[in-house]
N, C-alpha and C. Protein backbone atom coordinates (compact mmCIF):
# COMPACT_ATOMS: atom_id res chain seq x y z
N UNK A 1 18.28 111.83 59.40
CA UNK A 1 18.13 111.41 60.77
C UNK A 1 19.34 111.84 61.58
N UNK A 2 19.09 112.09 62.81
CA UNK A 2 20.17 112.49 63.70
C UNK A 2 20.95 111.26 64.16
N UNK A 3 22.23 111.42 64.23
CA UNK A 3 23.06 110.32 64.68
C UNK A 3 23.12 110.30 66.20
N UNK A 4 23.11 109.13 66.74
CA UNK A 4 23.22 108.98 68.20
C UNK A 4 24.69 108.81 68.54
N UNK A 5 25.17 109.71 69.40
CA UNK A 5 26.56 109.63 69.79
C UNK A 5 26.70 108.65 70.95
N UNK A 6 27.68 107.81 70.84
CA UNK A 6 27.95 106.84 71.90
C UNK A 6 28.89 107.47 72.92
N UNK A 7 28.70 107.09 74.17
CA UNK A 7 29.59 107.57 75.22
C UNK A 7 30.96 106.93 75.05
N UNK A 8 31.96 107.72 75.34
CA UNK A 8 33.31 107.20 75.27
C UNK A 8 33.54 106.28 76.46
N UNK A 9 34.07 105.12 76.19
CA UNK A 9 34.36 104.19 77.27
C UNK A 9 35.79 104.41 77.73
N UNK A 10 35.98 104.22 79.03
CA UNK A 10 37.33 104.37 79.56
C UNK A 10 38.18 103.19 79.09
N UNK A 11 39.47 103.43 78.94
CA UNK A 11 40.34 102.34 78.49
C UNK A 11 40.31 101.19 79.50
N UNK A 12 40.43 99.95 79.04
CA UNK A 12 40.32 98.80 79.94
C UNK A 12 41.46 98.71 80.95
N UNK A 13 42.63 99.34 80.66
CA UNK A 13 43.75 99.24 81.59
C UNK A 13 43.62 100.20 82.77
N UNK A 14 42.66 101.09 82.72
CA UNK A 14 42.47 102.05 83.79
C UNK A 14 41.60 101.43 84.88
N UNK A 15 42.12 101.39 86.11
CA UNK A 15 41.41 100.77 87.22
C UNK A 15 40.97 101.86 88.18
N UNK A 16 39.68 101.89 88.49
CA UNK A 16 39.16 102.85 89.45
C UNK A 16 39.18 102.19 90.82
N UNK A 17 39.82 102.84 91.77
CA UNK A 17 39.92 102.29 93.12
C UNK A 17 39.07 103.09 94.08
N UNK A 18 38.55 102.41 95.08
CA UNK A 18 37.77 103.05 96.12
C UNK A 18 38.72 103.89 96.97
N UNK A 19 38.38 105.15 97.24
CA UNK A 19 39.33 106.03 97.93
C UNK A 19 39.49 105.76 99.43
N UNK A 20 38.61 104.93 100.01
CA UNK A 20 38.69 104.69 101.45
C UNK A 20 39.31 103.35 101.73
N UNK A 21 40.15 103.32 102.76
CA UNK A 21 40.79 102.09 103.18
C UNK A 21 40.27 101.62 104.52
N UNK A 22 40.97 100.68 105.09
CA UNK A 22 40.55 100.09 106.37
C UNK A 22 40.55 101.13 107.49
N UNK A 23 41.55 101.98 107.51
CA UNK A 23 41.65 103.00 108.55
C UNK A 23 40.45 103.95 108.51
N UNK A 24 39.99 104.29 107.32
CA UNK A 24 38.82 105.16 107.18
C UNK A 24 37.57 104.53 107.77
N UNK A 25 37.38 103.24 107.50
CA UNK A 25 36.20 102.56 108.02
C UNK A 25 36.25 102.39 109.54
N UNK A 26 37.43 102.19 110.09
CA UNK A 26 37.56 102.09 111.54
C UNK A 26 37.21 103.43 112.19
N UNK A 27 37.71 104.53 111.63
CA UNK A 27 37.38 105.85 112.17
C UNK A 27 35.90 106.17 112.01
N UNK A 28 35.32 105.77 110.89
CA UNK A 28 33.90 105.99 110.69
C UNK A 28 33.07 105.20 111.70
N UNK A 29 33.47 103.97 111.97
CA UNK A 29 32.77 103.14 112.97
C UNK A 29 32.89 103.74 114.36
N UNK A 30 34.08 104.25 114.70
CA UNK A 30 34.26 104.88 116.01
C UNK A 30 33.40 106.13 116.14
N UNK A 31 33.29 106.89 115.06
CA UNK A 31 32.44 108.08 115.08
C UNK A 31 30.98 107.70 115.26
N UNK A 32 30.57 106.65 114.58
CA UNK A 32 29.18 106.20 114.69
C UNK A 32 28.87 105.71 116.10
N UNK A 33 29.79 104.97 116.69
CA UNK A 33 29.59 104.49 118.07
C UNK A 33 29.53 105.66 119.04
N UNK A 34 30.43 106.63 118.88
CA UNK A 34 30.43 107.80 119.76
C UNK A 34 29.12 108.58 119.64
N UNK A 35 28.62 108.74 118.43
CA UNK A 35 27.38 109.49 118.24
C UNK A 35 26.17 108.74 118.81
N UNK A 36 26.09 107.45 118.58
CA UNK A 36 24.97 106.67 119.11
C UNK A 36 24.99 106.68 120.63
N UNK A 37 26.17 106.47 121.20
CA UNK A 37 26.30 106.50 122.66
C UNK A 37 25.97 107.88 123.22
N UNK A 38 26.36 108.92 122.50
CA UNK A 38 26.04 110.29 122.92
C UNK A 38 24.55 110.55 122.91
N UNK A 39 23.84 110.07 121.89
CA UNK A 39 22.39 110.26 121.85
C UNK A 39 21.68 109.44 122.92
N UNK A 40 22.17 108.24 123.19
CA UNK A 40 21.57 107.42 124.26
C UNK A 40 21.75 108.11 125.61
N UNK A 41 22.96 108.59 125.87
CA UNK A 41 23.21 109.28 127.14
C UNK A 41 22.42 110.58 127.23
N UNK A 42 22.22 111.25 126.12
CA UNK A 42 21.42 112.47 126.11
C UNK A 42 19.96 112.15 126.45
N UNK A 43 19.49 111.02 126.00
CA UNK A 43 18.13 110.59 126.33
C UNK A 43 17.96 110.29 127.81
N UNK A 44 19.04 109.83 128.47
CA UNK A 44 18.99 109.56 129.90
C UNK A 44 19.23 110.81 130.74
N UNK A 45 19.54 111.92 130.11
CA UNK A 45 19.67 113.16 130.84
C UNK A 45 21.10 113.57 131.19
N UNK A 46 22.08 112.93 130.61
CA UNK A 46 23.47 113.31 130.88
C UNK A 46 23.79 114.61 130.15
N UNK A 47 24.14 115.62 130.91
CA UNK A 47 24.43 116.92 130.30
C UNK A 47 25.93 117.22 130.24
N UNK A 48 26.77 116.26 130.59
CA UNK A 48 28.21 116.49 130.48
C UNK A 48 28.86 115.54 129.48
N UNK A 49 28.62 114.25 129.62
CA UNK A 49 29.29 113.28 128.76
C UNK A 49 28.65 113.20 127.37
N UNK A 50 27.34 113.35 127.28
CA UNK A 50 26.64 113.24 126.00
C UNK A 50 27.10 114.30 124.99
N UNK A 51 27.14 115.58 125.36
CA UNK A 51 27.62 116.57 124.38
C UNK A 51 29.07 116.37 123.98
N UNK A 52 29.88 115.89 124.92
CA UNK A 52 31.29 115.65 124.61
C UNK A 52 31.40 114.55 123.55
N UNK A 53 30.64 113.46 123.73
CA UNK A 53 30.67 112.37 122.75
C UNK A 53 30.12 112.80 121.40
N UNK A 54 29.08 113.61 121.41
CA UNK A 54 28.50 114.06 120.14
C UNK A 54 29.45 114.98 119.38
N UNK A 55 30.08 115.90 120.08
CA UNK A 55 31.06 116.78 119.43
C UNK A 55 32.25 115.97 118.94
N UNK A 56 32.70 115.01 119.73
CA UNK A 56 33.81 114.15 119.32
C UNK A 56 33.45 113.37 118.05
N UNK A 57 32.24 112.85 118.00
CA UNK A 57 31.82 112.07 116.84
C UNK A 57 31.64 112.92 115.59
N UNK A 58 30.90 114.05 115.74
CA UNK A 58 30.58 114.87 114.57
C UNK A 58 31.74 115.77 114.12
N UNK A 59 32.48 116.33 115.04
CA UNK A 59 33.47 117.35 114.68
C UNK A 59 34.91 116.84 114.62
N UNK A 60 35.18 115.68 115.18
CA UNK A 60 36.56 115.17 115.18
C UNK A 60 36.66 113.87 114.36
N UNK A 61 35.93 112.84 114.79
CA UNK A 61 36.11 111.53 114.18
C UNK A 61 35.54 111.43 112.76
N UNK A 62 34.38 112.02 112.52
CA UNK A 62 33.79 111.93 111.18
C UNK A 62 34.64 112.66 110.13
N UNK A 63 35.10 113.89 110.39
CA UNK A 63 36.01 114.52 109.41
C UNK A 63 37.32 113.76 109.23
N UNK A 64 37.85 113.19 110.32
CA UNK A 64 39.07 112.40 110.19
C UNK A 64 38.86 111.18 109.31
N UNK A 65 37.69 110.56 109.44
CA UNK A 65 37.40 109.38 108.62
C UNK A 65 37.36 109.73 107.14
N UNK A 66 37.01 110.95 106.81
CA UNK A 66 36.95 111.36 105.41
C UNK A 66 38.31 111.83 104.91
N UNK A 67 39.05 112.52 105.76
CA UNK A 67 40.29 113.16 105.33
C UNK A 67 41.49 112.22 105.32
N UNK A 68 41.60 111.35 106.32
CA UNK A 68 42.79 110.51 106.49
C UNK A 68 42.94 109.57 105.31
N UNK A 69 44.16 109.46 104.82
CA UNK A 69 44.45 108.53 103.74
C UNK A 69 44.91 107.21 104.32
N UNK A 70 44.75 106.17 103.54
CA UNK A 70 45.17 104.84 103.96
C UNK A 70 46.67 104.69 103.83
N UNK A 71 47.11 103.46 103.92
CA UNK A 71 48.53 103.18 103.77
C UNK A 71 48.99 103.52 102.36
N UNK A 72 50.26 103.84 102.17
CA UNK A 72 50.74 104.21 100.83
C UNK A 72 50.50 103.12 99.79
N UNK A 73 50.59 101.84 100.18
CA UNK A 73 50.39 100.79 99.19
C UNK A 73 48.93 100.65 98.79
N UNK A 74 48.00 101.20 99.59
CA UNK A 74 46.59 101.18 99.22
C UNK A 74 46.30 102.24 98.16
N UNK A 75 46.93 103.41 98.27
CA UNK A 75 46.60 104.52 97.39
C UNK A 75 47.54 104.65 96.21
N UNK A 76 48.79 104.25 96.35
CA UNK A 76 49.76 104.42 95.27
C UNK A 76 49.64 103.29 94.27
N UNK A 77 49.83 103.64 93.02
CA UNK A 77 49.81 102.62 91.98
C UNK A 77 51.18 101.97 91.93
N UNK A 78 51.21 100.70 91.66
CA UNK A 78 52.48 100.00 91.59
C UNK A 78 53.13 100.26 90.24
N UNK A 79 54.40 100.65 90.24
CA UNK A 79 55.07 100.90 88.96
C UNK A 79 55.34 99.58 88.24
N UNK A 80 55.28 99.67 86.94
CA UNK A 80 55.54 98.47 86.15
C UNK A 80 57.04 98.23 86.07
N UNK A 81 57.45 96.99 86.25
CA UNK A 81 58.86 96.66 86.16
C UNK A 81 59.16 96.22 84.73
N UNK A 82 60.28 96.71 84.20
CA UNK A 82 60.61 96.32 82.81
C UNK A 82 60.96 94.84 82.73
N UNK A 83 60.60 94.24 81.64
CA UNK A 83 60.85 92.82 81.42
C UNK A 83 62.25 92.67 80.84
N UNK A 84 63.06 91.85 81.48
CA UNK A 84 64.42 91.63 81.00
C UNK A 84 64.41 90.46 80.03
N UNK A 85 65.16 90.60 78.95
CA UNK A 85 65.22 89.53 77.95
C UNK A 85 66.56 88.90 77.92
């Protein structure tokens, strides 16, 4: 019979952290608001402000929300301090 190989489990001390912080979500929300407002204005026939908001949302704010890193204490691991005896 063929043996079934078990998947290797990651060590329990390894913690996986979510790569996005508060700043990322704020930028994502601003991009979403700009895009929704741009589409609403486009529906009303605005040919100047609507494209500006859509380009701002899609080409500026959305990439920033993905690229920008959070605060250093959010992304950096805390070093272990040696125990004094």
